[in-house]
Amino acid sequence: MSDETTILAYNKIANLYKSKYSSENFWKKQYADFEGLLKGEHIIDVGCGFGRDARHFVKDGYNVVGVDASKSMISLAKKYVPKAKFYIKDMLTMRFSQKFDGIWCCASLLHIKKRNVRSLLDNFKRSMKPNGVLFISVKKGRGEEYKTYPDGTKRFFANYFGRELREIVNKNGFKTVLLYTHKDKENGTWISLFALKDK
């Protein structure tokens, strides 16, 4: 199961989070690289939050399903992106009969304990078509930690270095095709990884 403390935090701050992070500008390159690798139109946005990225992909003509463990975030997403489908689901245990052409996992895997990432990647593989595209973004750094915010909420973070993330993904049924970092004044350095599911 995903971290309950983190889920409760997002339930509490959902509206504030939406007002702060609605801009799509920071992820423009990642959107373009992801869409450039896709071979179909069906995307699942894992850890979709209030639907910012789902909204972008819907505008670009894709069929989008979003999942998040926060019921407050899903409530916002359904209103923000009425043309997508959203479900309250834990990414570790989600199941769909549909197979997706791409998984977009932006700033979401970093809330999963490292000991559970192999199971998560196995679940991703079950949800994807052969040669499906996986995008993951995490914060660059070492180890795992809980961060306490001024509003009193706590969120769990698993930090990674590029080589570490690439090795985990490659050992669990994916082939990395792009890996790069980009900086955010507020949130430090992010690592973006794009990979294809092995046949």
N, C-alpha and C. Protein backbone atom coordinates (compact mmCIF):
# COMPACT_ATOMS: atom_id res chain seq x y z
N MET A 1 0.84 -1.21 0.00
CA MET A 1 0.00 0.00 0.00
C MET A 1 0.87 1.25 0.00
N SER A 2 0.42 2.28 -0.70
CA SER A 2 1.14 3.55 -0.68
C SER A 2 1.11 4.15 0.72
N ASP A 3 1.99 5.11 0.95
CA ASP A 3 2.17 5.66 2.29
C ASP A 3 0.93 6.44 2.74
N GLU A 4 0.32 6.00 3.83
CA GLU A 4 -0.93 6.58 4.30
C GLU A 4 -0.76 8.02 4.76
N THR A 5 0.37 8.32 5.38
CA THR A 5 0.62 9.69 5.83
C THR A 5 0.63 10.66 4.66
N THR A 6 1.25 10.24 3.56
CA THR A 6 1.32 11.08 2.37
C THR A 6 -0.05 11.25 1.73
N ILE A 7 -0.83 10.19 1.69
CA ILE A 7 -2.19 10.28 1.13
C ILE A 7 -3.03 11.27 1.93
N LEU A 8 -2.96 11.18 3.25
CA LEU A 8 -3.72 12.09 4.11
C LEU A 8 -3.29 13.54 3.89
N ALA A 9 -1.99 13.74 3.67
CA ALA A 9 -1.48 15.09 3.41
C ALA A 9 -2.09 15.66 2.14
N TYR A 10 -2.11 14.86 1.08
CA TYR A 10 -2.67 15.35 -0.18
C TYR A 10 -4.18 15.56 -0.10
N ASN A 11 -4.85 14.76 0.68
CA ASN A 11 -6.28 15.01 0.90
C ASN A 11 -6.50 16.38 1.53
N LYS A 12 -5.63 16.74 2.43
CA LYS A 12 -5.77 18.01 3.15
C LYS A 12 -5.42 19.22 2.30
N ILE A 13 -4.40 19.09 1.45
CA ILE A 13 -3.87 20.27 0.74
C ILE A 13 -4.28 20.32 -0.72
N ALA A 14 -5.21 19.50 -1.15
CA ALA A 14 -5.52 19.37 -2.57
C ALA A 14 -5.80 20.71 -3.25
N ASN A 15 -6.65 21.52 -2.69
CA ASN A 15 -6.99 22.80 -3.31
C ASN A 15 -5.80 23.75 -3.38
N LEU A 16 -5.04 23.81 -2.31
CA LEU A 16 -3.85 24.66 -2.29
C LEU A 16 -2.83 24.18 -3.32
N TYR A 17 -2.65 22.86 -3.40
CA TYR A 17 -1.71 22.27 -4.35
C TYR A 17 -2.11 22.63 -5.78
N LYS A 18 -3.39 22.54 -6.08
CA LYS A 18 -3.88 22.87 -7.42
C LYS A 18 -3.61 24.33 -7.76
N SER A 19 -3.84 25.21 -6.81
CA SER A 19 -3.63 26.63 -7.08
C SER A 19 -2.16 26.96 -7.29
N LYS A 20 -1.28 26.15 -6.71
CA LYS A 20 0.15 26.42 -6.79
C LYS A 20 0.82 25.78 -8.00
N TYR A 21 0.31 24.64 -8.45
CA TYR A 21 1.03 23.86 -9.47
C TYR A 21 0.20 23.62 -10.74
N SER A 22 -0.68 24.53 -11.08
CA SER A 22 -1.52 24.33 -12.27
C SER A 22 -0.78 24.56 -13.59
N SER A 23 0.31 25.30 -13.56
CA SER A 23 1.03 25.60 -14.79
C SER A 23 1.66 24.34 -15.39
N GLU A 24 1.53 24.19 -16.70
CA GLU A 24 2.11 23.06 -17.41
C GLU A 24 3.52 23.36 -17.92
N ASN A 25 3.98 24.58 -17.75
CA ASN A 25 5.22 25.01 -18.40
C ASN A 25 6.44 24.21 -18.00
N PHE A 26 6.55 23.84 -16.71
CA PHE A 26 7.76 23.18 -16.23
C PHE A 26 8.00 21.83 -16.91
N TRP A 27 6.92 21.17 -17.34
CA TRP A 27 7.05 19.82 -17.90
C TRP A 27 6.89 19.78 -19.42
N LYS A 28 6.99 20.92 -20.09
CA LYS A 28 6.77 20.96 -21.54
C LYS A 28 7.68 20.01 -22.31
N LYS A 29 8.96 19.99 -21.98
CA LYS A 29 9.89 19.10 -22.69
C LYS A 29 9.52 17.64 -22.45
N GLN A 30 9.16 17.32 -21.23
CA GLN A 30 8.79 15.95 -20.90
C GLN A 30 7.53 15.52 -21.64
N TYR A 31 6.54 16.41 -21.71
CA TYR A 31 5.34 16.10 -22.49
C TYR A 31 5.72 15.76 -23.93
N ALA A 32 6.54 16.60 -24.53
CA ALA A 32 6.91 16.42 -25.94
C ALA A 32 7.69 15.13 -26.15
N ASP A 33 8.64 14.84 -25.27
CA ASP A 33 9.43 13.61 -25.42
C ASP A 33 8.55 12.37 -25.25
N PHE A 34 7.64 12.42 -24.30
CA PHE A 34 6.73 11.30 -24.06
C PHE A 34 5.85 11.05 -25.28
N GLU A 35 5.23 12.10 -25.78
CA GLU A 35 4.35 11.96 -26.93
C GLU A 35 5.13 11.52 -28.17
N GLY A 36 6.39 11.93 -28.26
CA GLY A 36 7.21 11.52 -29.40
C GLY A 36 7.52 10.04 -29.41
N LEU A 37 7.49 9.41 -28.25
CA LEU A 37 7.76 7.98 -28.15
C LEU A 37 6.51 7.11 -28.24
N LEU A 38 5.35 7.69 -27.97
CA LEU A 38 4.11 6.93 -27.96
C LEU A 38 3.75 6.39 -29.34
N LYS A 39 3.22 5.16 -29.36
CA LYS A 39 2.78 4.53 -30.62
C LYS A 39 1.25 4.39 -30.66
N GLY A 40 0.57 4.90 -29.64
CA GLY A 40 -0.88 4.81 -29.59
C GLY A 40 -1.44 5.99 -28.83
N GLU A 41 -2.73 5.92 -28.52
CA GLU A 41 -3.40 7.09 -27.96
C GLU A 41 -3.91 6.90 -26.53
N HIS A 42 -3.64 5.76 -25.93
CA HIS A 42 -4.20 5.47 -24.60
C HIS A 42 -3.12 5.62 -23.52
N ILE A 43 -3.35 6.56 -22.62
CA ILE A 43 -2.38 6.90 -21.57
C ILE A 43 -3.03 6.73 -20.21
N ILE A 44 -2.26 6.22 -19.25
CA ILE A 44 -2.68 6.24 -17.86
C ILE A 44 -1.72 7.15 -17.09
N ASP A 45 -2.29 8.10 -16.38
CA ASP A 45 -1.55 9.06 -15.58
C ASP A 45 -1.59 8.56 -14.13
N VAL A 46 -0.47 8.04 -13.67
CA VAL A 46 -0.40 7.39 -12.36
C VAL A 46 0.07 8.40 -11.31
N GLY A 47 -0.76 8.61 -10.30
CA GLY A 47 -0.50 9.68 -9.36
C GLY A 47 -0.88 11.01 -10.00
N CYS A 48 -2.08 11.04 -10.56
CA CYS A 48 -2.48 12.14 -11.44
C CYS A 48 -2.77 13.44 -10.69
N GLY A 49 -2.91 13.37 -9.36
CA GLY A 49 -3.22 14.58 -8.62
C GLY A 49 -4.53 15.20 -9.10
N PHE A 50 -4.53 16.52 -9.25
CA PHE A 50 -5.76 17.23 -9.64
C PHE A 50 -5.99 17.23 -11.14
N GLY A 51 -5.11 16.59 -11.91
CA GLY A 51 -5.36 16.41 -13.34
C GLY A 51 -4.61 17.33 -14.27
N ARG A 52 -3.59 18.02 -13.79
CA ARG A 52 -2.85 18.96 -14.65
C ARG A 52 -2.31 18.29 -15.90
N ASP A 53 -1.60 17.19 -15.73
CA ASP A 53 -0.96 16.54 -16.89
C ASP A 53 -2.00 15.83 -17.75
N ALA A 54 -2.99 15.24 -17.12
CA ALA A 54 -4.08 14.61 -17.89
C ALA A 54 -4.74 15.64 -18.79
N ARG A 55 -4.93 16.84 -18.27
CA ARG A 55 -5.54 17.92 -19.05
C ARG A 55 -4.71 18.23 -20.29
N HIS A 56 -3.39 18.27 -20.12
CA HIS A 56 -2.51 18.53 -21.26
C HIS A 56 -2.67 17.45 -22.33
N PHE A 57 -2.65 16.19 -21.90
CA PHE A 57 -2.71 15.09 -22.88
C PHE A 57 -4.08 15.03 -23.56
N VAL A 58 -5.13 15.32 -22.84
CA VAL A 58 -6.46 15.36 -23.45
C VAL A 58 -6.51 16.45 -24.52
N LYS A 59 -5.95 17.61 -24.23
CA LYS A 59 -5.91 18.70 -25.22
C LYS A 59 -5.14 18.29 -26.46
N ASP A 60 -4.15 17.40 -26.30
CA ASP A 60 -3.36 16.93 -27.44
C ASP A 60 -4.00 15.74 -28.15
N GLY A 61 -5.20 15.36 -27.72
CA GLY A 61 -5.96 14.34 -28.44
C GLY A 61 -5.85 12.93 -27.91
N TYR A 62 -5.26 12.73 -26.75
CA TYR A 62 -5.10 11.39 -26.20
C TYR A 62 -6.28 10.99 -25.32
N ASN A 63 -6.51 9.69 -25.22
CA ASN A 63 -7.48 9.14 -24.29
C ASN A 63 -6.78 8.87 -22.97
N VAL A 64 -7.24 9.49 -21.90
CA VAL A 64 -6.51 9.48 -20.64
C VAL A 64 -7.33 8.90 -19.50
N VAL A 65 -6.69 8.02 -18.75
CA VAL A 65 -7.21 7.53 -17.47
C VAL A 65 -6.26 8.02 -16.39
N GLY A 66 -6.79 8.56 -15.33
CA GLY A 66 -5.96 9.02 -14.22
C GLY A 66 -6.28 8.26 -12.95
N VAL A 67 -5.24 7.93 -12.18
CA VAL A 67 -5.44 7.27 -10.89
C VAL A 67 -4.64 8.01 -9.82
N ASP A 68 -5.21 8.07 -8.64
CA ASP A 68 -4.53 8.67 -7.50
C ASP A 68 -5.14 8.09 -6.24
N ALA A 69 -4.33 7.96 -5.19
CA ALA A 69 -4.82 7.42 -3.93
C ALA A 69 -5.54 8.47 -3.09
N SER A 70 -5.42 9.73 -3.48
CA SER A 70 -6.07 10.81 -2.75
C SER A 70 -7.47 11.07 -3.31
N LYS A 71 -8.48 10.85 -2.48
CA LYS A 71 -9.85 11.09 -2.94
C LYS A 71 -10.10 12.57 -3.21
N SER A 72 -9.43 13.44 -2.48
CA SER A 72 -9.61 14.88 -2.71
C SER A 72 -9.03 15.30 -4.05
N MET A 73 -7.89 14.75 -4.40
CA MET A 73 -7.28 15.06 -5.69
C MET A 73 -8.15 14.54 -6.84
N ILE A 74 -8.68 13.35 -6.71
CA ILE A 74 -9.52 12.78 -7.76
C ILE A 74 -10.80 13.59 -7.93
N SER A 75 -11.34 14.08 -6.82
CA SER A 75 -12.53 14.92 -6.89
C SER A 75 -12.26 16.18 -7.71
N LEU A 76 -11.09 16.80 -7.49
CA LEU A 76 -10.72 17.98 -8.28
C LEU A 76 -10.49 17.62 -9.73
N ALA A 77 -9.82 16.50 -9.97
CA ALA A 77 -9.48 16.10 -11.34
C ALA A 77 -10.73 15.87 -12.20
N LYS A 78 -11.74 15.27 -11.62
CA LYS A 78 -12.97 14.99 -12.38
C LYS A 78 -13.61 16.28 -12.87
N LYS A 79 -13.50 17.34 -12.09
CA LYS A 79 -14.06 18.63 -12.48
C LYS A 79 -13.13 19.37 -13.44
N TYR A 80 -11.83 19.23 -13.23
CA TYR A 80 -10.83 19.96 -14.01
C TYR A 80 -10.66 19.40 -15.42
N VAL A 81 -10.83 18.08 -15.54
CA VAL A 81 -10.65 17.42 -16.85
C VAL A 81 -11.81 16.46 -17.09
N PRO A 82 -12.98 16.99 -17.43
CA PRO A 82 -14.16 16.13 -17.57
C PRO A 82 -14.07 15.12 -18.71
N LYS A 83 -13.15 15.32 -19.65
CA LYS A 83 -13.03 14.39 -20.78
C LYS A 83 -12.13 13.19 -20.48
N ALA A 84 -11.49 13.18 -19.30
CA ALA A 84 -10.69 12.02 -18.89
C ALA A 84 -11.48 11.21 -17.86
N LYS A 85 -11.02 10.01 -17.60
CA LYS A 85 -11.63 9.15 -16.58
C LYS A 85 -10.67 9.06 -15.39
N PHE A 86 -11.21 9.19 -14.19
CA PHE A 86 -10.38 9.20 -12.99
C PHE A 86 -10.90 8.20 -11.96
N TYR A 87 -9.94 7.58 -11.26
CA TYR A 87 -10.28 6.57 -10.27
C TYR A 87 -9.42 6.73 -9.03
N ILE A 88 -10.01 6.51 -7.86
CA ILE A 88 -9.25 6.46 -6.62
C ILE A 88 -8.65 5.07 -6.52
N LYS A 89 -7.35 4.97 -6.78
CA LYS A 89 -6.67 3.68 -6.75
C LYS A 89 -5.25 3.87 -6.25
N ASP A 90 -4.75 2.87 -5.56
CA ASP A 90 -3.36 2.80 -5.14
C ASP A 90 -2.54 2.28 -6.32
N MET A 91 -1.49 2.98 -6.68
CA MET A 91 -0.70 2.56 -7.84
C MET A 91 -0.07 1.17 -7.66
N LEU A 92 0.14 0.76 -6.43
CA LEU A 92 0.75 -0.54 -6.18
C LEU A 92 -0.22 -1.69 -6.44
N THR A 93 -1.50 -1.44 -6.36
CA THR A 93 -2.48 -2.52 -6.47
C THR A 93 -3.51 -2.29 -7.57
N MET A 94 -3.40 -1.20 -8.32
CA MET A 94 -4.38 -0.90 -9.36
C MET A 94 -4.42 -2.02 -10.39
N ARG A 95 -5.61 -2.28 -10.91
CA ARG A 95 -5.79 -3.27 -11.96
C ARG A 95 -6.75 -2.72 -13.01
N PHE A 96 -6.41 -2.93 -14.28
CA PHE A 96 -7.28 -2.54 -15.39
C PHE A 96 -7.29 -3.67 -16.41
N SER A 97 -8.45 -3.91 -17.00
CA SER A 97 -8.51 -4.89 -18.09
C SER A 97 -7.88 -4.31 -19.35
N GLN A 98 -7.94 -3.00 -19.48
CA GLN A 98 -7.35 -2.30 -20.62
C GLN A 98 -5.83 -2.26 -20.52
N LYS A 99 -5.16 -2.36 -21.65
CA LYS A 99 -3.71 -2.18 -21.72
C LYS A 99 -3.41 -0.81 -22.33
N PHE A 100 -2.43 -0.12 -21.76
CA PHE A 100 -2.15 1.26 -22.15
C PHE A 100 -0.90 1.36 -23.02
N ASP A 101 -0.90 2.37 -23.90
CA ASP A 101 0.26 2.63 -24.74
C ASP A 101 1.35 3.36 -23.98
N GLY A 102 0.97 4.06 -22.92
CA GLY A 102 1.96 4.79 -22.13
C GLY A 102 1.53 4.98 -20.70
N ILE A 103 2.50 4.97 -19.81
CA ILE A 103 2.28 5.30 -18.40
C ILE A 103 3.05 6.56 -18.09
N TRP A 104 2.34 7.55 -17.61
CA TRP A 104 2.93 8.83 -17.19
C TRP A 104 2.93 8.83 -15.66
N CYS A 105 4.11 8.84 -15.06
CA CYS A 105 4.24 8.75 -13.59
C CYS A 105 5.11 9.92 -13.13
N CYS A 106 4.49 11.09 -13.11
CA CYS A 106 5.22 12.33 -12.84
C CYS A 106 5.15 12.68 -11.36
N ALA A 107 6.31 12.73 -10.72
CA ALA A 107 6.39 13.10 -9.30
C ALA A 107 5.49 12.22 -8.43
N SER A 108 5.43 10.94 -8.76
CA SER A 108 4.57 10.00 -8.04
C SER A 108 5.33 8.82 -7.45
N LEU A 109 6.20 8.21 -8.26
CA LEU A 109 6.99 7.09 -7.77
C LEU A 109 7.85 7.49 -6.57
N LEU A 110 8.18 8.77 -6.47
CA LEU A 110 9.01 9.24 -5.37
C LEU A 110 8.30 9.15 -4.01
N HIS A 111 6.99 8.88 -4.02
CA HIS A 111 6.26 8.68 -2.76
C HIS A 111 6.15 7.21 -2.38
N ILE A 112 6.79 6.32 -3.16
CA ILE A 112 6.76 4.88 -2.90
C ILE A 112 8.08 4.45 -2.27
N LYS A 113 8.02 3.69 -1.20
CA LYS A 113 9.24 3.18 -0.57
C LYS A 113 10.02 2.32 -1.56
N LYS A 114 11.33 2.45 -1.53
CA LYS A 114 12.16 1.77 -2.52
C LYS A 114 11.97 0.25 -2.49
N ARG A 115 11.68 -0.29 -1.33
CA ARG A 115 11.49 -1.75 -1.25
C ARG A 115 10.26 -2.22 -2.03
N ASN A 116 9.37 -1.28 -2.38
CA ASN A 116 8.14 -1.63 -3.11
C ASN A 116 8.20 -1.31 -4.60
N VAL A 117 9.30 -0.74 -5.06
CA VAL A 117 9.36 -0.28 -6.45
C VAL A 117 9.34 -1.45 -7.44
N ARG A 118 9.97 -2.54 -7.10
CA ARG A 118 9.93 -3.69 -8.01
C ARG A 118 8.50 -4.16 -8.23
N SER A 119 7.72 -4.25 -7.18
CA SER A 119 6.32 -4.65 -7.31
C SER A 119 5.54 -3.62 -8.13
N LEU A 120 5.87 -2.35 -7.93
CA LEU A 120 5.20 -1.30 -8.70
C LEU A 120 5.49 -1.45 -10.18
N LEU A 121 6.75 -1.67 -10.53
CA LEU A 121 7.12 -1.81 -11.93
C LEU A 121 6.48 -3.06 -12.55
N ASP A 122 6.36 -4.12 -11.78
CA ASP A 122 5.66 -5.32 -12.26
C ASP A 122 4.20 -4.98 -12.57
N ASN A 123 3.59 -4.18 -11.72
CA ASN A 123 2.21 -3.77 -11.94
C ASN A 123 2.10 -2.89 -13.18
N PHE A 124 3.08 -2.02 -13.36
CA PHE A 124 3.10 -1.19 -14.58
C PHE A 124 3.16 -2.07 -15.82
N LYS A 125 4.03 -3.07 -15.80
CA LYS A 125 4.16 -3.96 -16.97
C LYS A 125 2.84 -4.65 -17.31
N ARG A 126 2.13 -5.07 -16.29
CA ARG A 126 0.84 -5.72 -16.53
C ARG A 126 -0.17 -4.78 -17.18
N SER A 127 0.02 -3.50 -16.97
CA SER A 127 -0.93 -2.50 -17.47
C SER A 127 -0.59 -1.97 -18.85
N MET A 128 0.54 -2.41 -19.42
CA MET A 128 1.04 -1.81 -20.66
C MET A 128 1.05 -2.78 -21.83
N LYS A 129 0.92 -2.21 -23.00
CA LYS A 129 1.11 -2.97 -24.23
C LYS A 129 2.60 -3.21 -24.47
N PRO A 130 2.97 -4.22 -25.29
CA PRO A 130 4.37 -4.38 -25.66
C PRO A 130 4.91 -3.10 -26.28
N ASN A 131 6.13 -2.74 -25.93
CA ASN A 131 6.77 -1.50 -26.39
C ASN A 131 6.07 -0.23 -25.88
N GLY A 132 5.25 -0.38 -24.85
CA GLY A 132 4.64 0.78 -24.23
C GLY A 132 5.69 1.69 -23.61
N VAL A 133 5.34 2.97 -23.48
CA VAL A 133 6.28 3.98 -23.00
C VAL A 133 6.02 4.27 -21.52
N LEU A 134 7.08 4.29 -20.74
CA LEU A 134 7.01 4.63 -19.32
C LEU A 134 7.78 5.92 -19.07
N PHE A 135 7.13 6.87 -18.42
CA PHE A 135 7.82 8.08 -17.96
C PHE A 135 7.77 8.13 -16.45
N ILE A 136 8.95 8.40 -15.85
CA ILE A 136 9.06 8.56 -14.40
C ILE A 136 9.86 9.82 -14.12
N SER A 137 9.39 10.63 -13.18
CA SER A 137 10.21 11.74 -12.70
C SER A 137 10.30 11.67 -11.19
N VAL A 138 11.52 11.85 -10.69
CA VAL A 138 11.80 11.81 -9.25
C VAL A 138 12.76 12.94 -8.91
N LYS A 139 12.91 13.21 -7.63
CA LYS A 139 13.87 14.21 -7.20
C LYS A 139 15.25 13.57 -7.03
N LYS A 140 16.26 14.31 -7.44
CA LYS A 140 17.62 13.82 -7.33
C LYS A 140 18.10 13.94 -5.89
N GLY A 141 18.67 12.85 -5.37
CA GLY A 141 19.18 12.88 -4.02
C GLY A 141 19.40 11.48 -3.49
N ARG A 142 19.68 11.39 -2.21
CA ARG A 142 20.04 10.13 -1.58
C ARG A 142 19.01 9.73 -0.53
N GLY A 143 18.71 8.43 -0.49
CA GLY A 143 17.94 7.88 0.61
C GLY A 143 16.46 8.19 0.59
N GLU A 144 15.83 7.96 1.75
CA GLU A 144 14.40 8.15 1.92
C GLU A 144 14.15 9.05 3.14
N GLU A 145 13.04 9.78 3.11
CA GLU A 145 12.79 10.72 4.20
C GLU A 145 11.33 11.15 4.23
N TYR A 146 10.90 11.59 5.41
CA TYR A 146 9.63 12.30 5.54
C TYR A 146 9.94 13.78 5.65
N LYS A 147 9.22 14.59 4.88
CA LYS A 147 9.37 16.04 4.96
C LYS A 147 8.13 16.62 5.63
N THR A 148 8.36 17.50 6.60
CA THR A 148 7.27 18.19 7.28
C THR A 148 7.12 19.59 6.70
N TYR A 149 5.89 19.96 6.37
CA TYR A 149 5.61 21.23 5.73
C TYR A 149 5.01 22.22 6.72
N PRO A 150 5.04 23.52 6.39
CA PRO A 150 4.54 24.55 7.32
C PRO A 150 3.09 24.34 7.75
N ASP A 151 2.29 23.68 6.91
CA ASP A 151 0.89 23.44 7.28
C ASP A 151 0.73 22.26 8.25
N GLY A 152 1.86 21.64 8.62
CA GLY A 152 1.84 20.54 9.56
C GLY A 152 1.74 19.16 8.94
N THR A 153 1.54 19.08 7.63
CA THR A 153 1.46 17.78 6.97
C THR A 153 2.86 17.21 6.72
N LYS A 154 2.89 15.89 6.58
CA LYS A 154 4.14 15.19 6.27
C LYS A 154 3.95 14.38 5.01
N ARG A 155 5.03 14.33 4.20
CA ARG A 155 5.00 13.52 2.99
C ARG A 155 6.29 12.71 2.90
N PHE A 156 6.13 11.47 2.44
CA PHE A 156 7.28 10.58 2.27
C PHE A 156 7.91 10.80 0.90
N PHE A 157 9.25 10.80 0.86
CA PHE A 157 9.98 10.93 -0.40
C PHE A 157 11.10 9.89 -0.48
N ALA A 158 11.20 9.24 -1.63
CA ALA A 158 12.34 8.39 -1.96
C ALA A 158 13.14 9.14 -3.02
N ASN A 159 14.38 9.46 -2.70
CA ASN A 159 15.23 10.21 -3.63
C ASN A 159 16.13 9.27 -4.43
N TYR A 160 16.52 9.69 -5.60
CA TYR A 160 17.31 8.83 -6.49
C TYR A 160 18.41 9.63 -7.18
N PHE A 161 19.46 8.90 -7.57
CA PHE A 161 20.41 9.39 -8.55
C PHE A 161 20.08 8.72 -9.88
N GLY A 162 20.47 9.35 -10.99
CA GLY A 162 20.10 8.85 -12.30
C GLY A 162 20.49 7.40 -12.55
N ARG A 163 21.71 7.06 -12.20
CA ARG A 163 22.17 5.69 -12.44
C ARG A 163 21.36 4.69 -11.64
N GLU A 164 21.05 5.05 -10.40
CA GLU A 164 20.26 4.17 -9.54
C GLU A 164 18.88 3.91 -10.14
N LEU A 165 18.22 4.96 -10.57
CA LEU A 165 16.88 4.81 -11.14
C LEU A 165 16.91 4.01 -12.42
N ARG A 166 17.88 4.29 -13.28
CA ARG A 166 18.01 3.55 -14.55
C ARG A 166 18.22 2.06 -14.30
N GLU A 167 19.08 1.72 -13.35
CA GLU A 167 19.36 0.31 -13.07
C GLU A 167 18.12 -0.42 -12.57
N ILE A 168 17.35 0.23 -11.70
CA ILE A 168 16.13 -0.39 -11.19
C ILE A 168 15.15 -0.66 -12.31
N VAL A 169 14.95 0.33 -13.16
CA VAL A 169 14.00 0.20 -14.27
C VAL A 169 14.46 -0.86 -15.26
N ASN A 170 15.74 -0.85 -15.60
CA ASN A 170 16.26 -1.80 -16.59
C ASN A 170 16.26 -3.24 -16.09
N LYS A 171 16.39 -3.42 -14.79
CA LYS A 171 16.38 -4.77 -14.22
C LYS A 171 14.97 -5.34 -14.09
N ASN A 172 13.97 -4.51 -14.34
CA ASN A 172 12.60 -4.93 -14.11
C ASN A 172 11.71 -4.79 -15.34
N GLY A 173 12.29 -5.11 -16.50
CA GLY A 173 11.48 -5.27 -17.70
C GLY A 173 11.33 -4.07 -18.60
N PHE A 174 12.21 -3.07 -18.44
CA PHE A 174 12.13 -1.88 -19.28
C PHE A 174 13.52 -1.54 -19.83
N LYS A 175 13.53 -0.87 -20.97
CA LYS A 175 14.77 -0.40 -21.57
C LYS A 175 14.75 1.12 -21.61
N THR A 176 15.69 1.75 -20.91
CA THR A 176 15.76 3.20 -20.86
C THR A 176 16.19 3.77 -22.21
N VAL A 177 15.45 4.78 -22.67
CA VAL A 177 15.79 5.42 -23.94
C VAL A 177 16.18 6.89 -23.76
N LEU A 178 15.74 7.51 -22.68
CA LEU A 178 16.11 8.90 -22.37
C LEU A 178 16.25 9.07 -20.86
N LEU A 179 17.25 9.83 -20.45
CA LEU A 179 17.43 10.13 -19.03
C LEU A 179 18.13 11.48 -18.93
N TYR A 180 17.51 12.42 -18.22
CA TYR A 180 18.14 13.73 -18.06
C TYR A 180 17.64 14.41 -16.79
N THR A 181 18.33 15.46 -16.39
CA THR A 181 17.94 16.21 -15.20
C THR A 181 17.53 17.63 -15.60
N HIS A 182 16.73 18.25 -14.76
CA HIS A 182 16.36 19.65 -14.94
C HIS A 182 16.08 20.25 -13.57
N LYS A 183 16.33 21.52 -13.44
CA LYS A 183 16.31 22.15 -12.12
C LYS A 183 15.06 23.00 -11.91
N ASP A 184 14.63 23.00 -10.65
CA ASP A 184 13.49 23.78 -10.20
C ASP A 184 13.97 24.59 -8.99
N LYS A 185 13.81 25.90 -9.03
CA LYS A 185 14.31 26.75 -7.95
C LYS A 185 13.75 26.35 -6.59
N GLU A 186 12.50 25.93 -6.58
CA GLU A 186 11.84 25.60 -5.31
C GLU A 186 12.10 24.16 -4.88
N ASN A 187 12.11 23.24 -5.84
CA ASN A 187 12.13 21.82 -5.49
C ASN A 187 13.41 21.09 -5.88
N GLY A 188 14.47 21.81 -6.20
CA GLY A 188 15.75 21.16 -6.48
C GLY A 188 15.83 20.57 -7.87
N THR A 189 16.62 19.51 -8.01
CA THR A 189 16.87 18.89 -9.31
C THR A 189 15.99 17.66 -9.50
N TRP A 190 15.35 17.58 -10.65
CA TRP A 190 14.50 16.45 -11.01
C TRP A 190 15.22 15.56 -12.02
N ILE A 191 14.95 14.28 -11.94
CA ILE A 191 15.42 13.31 -12.91
C ILE A 191 14.22 12.83 -13.73
N SER A 192 14.34 12.90 -15.04
CA SER A 192 13.30 12.40 -15.94
C SER A 192 13.82 11.18 -16.69
N LEU A 193 13.07 10.10 -16.61
CA LEU A 193 13.46 8.85 -17.27
C LEU A 193 12.33 8.39 -18.18
N PHE A 194 12.69 8.02 -19.41
CA PHE A 194 11.75 7.46 -20.38
C PHE A 194 12.25 6.07 -20.75
N ALA A 195 11.34 5.10 -20.73
CA ALA A 195 11.73 3.73 -21.01
C ALA A 195 10.64 3.03 -21.81
N LEU A 196 11.04 1.98 -22.52
CA LEU A 196 10.10 1.15 -23.27
C LEU A 196 9.96 -0.21 -22.60
N LYS A 197 8.75 -0.70 -22.52
CA LYS A 197 8.53 -2.03 -21.98
C LYS A 197 9.10 -3.08 -22.90
N ASP A 198 9.82 -4.05 -22.34
CA ASP A 198 10.31 -5.17 -23.14
C ASP A 198 9.12 -5.96 -23.67
N LYS A 199 9.30 -6.55 -24.84
CA LYS A 199 8.22 -7.34 -25.43
C LYS A 199 7.89 -8.54 -24.55
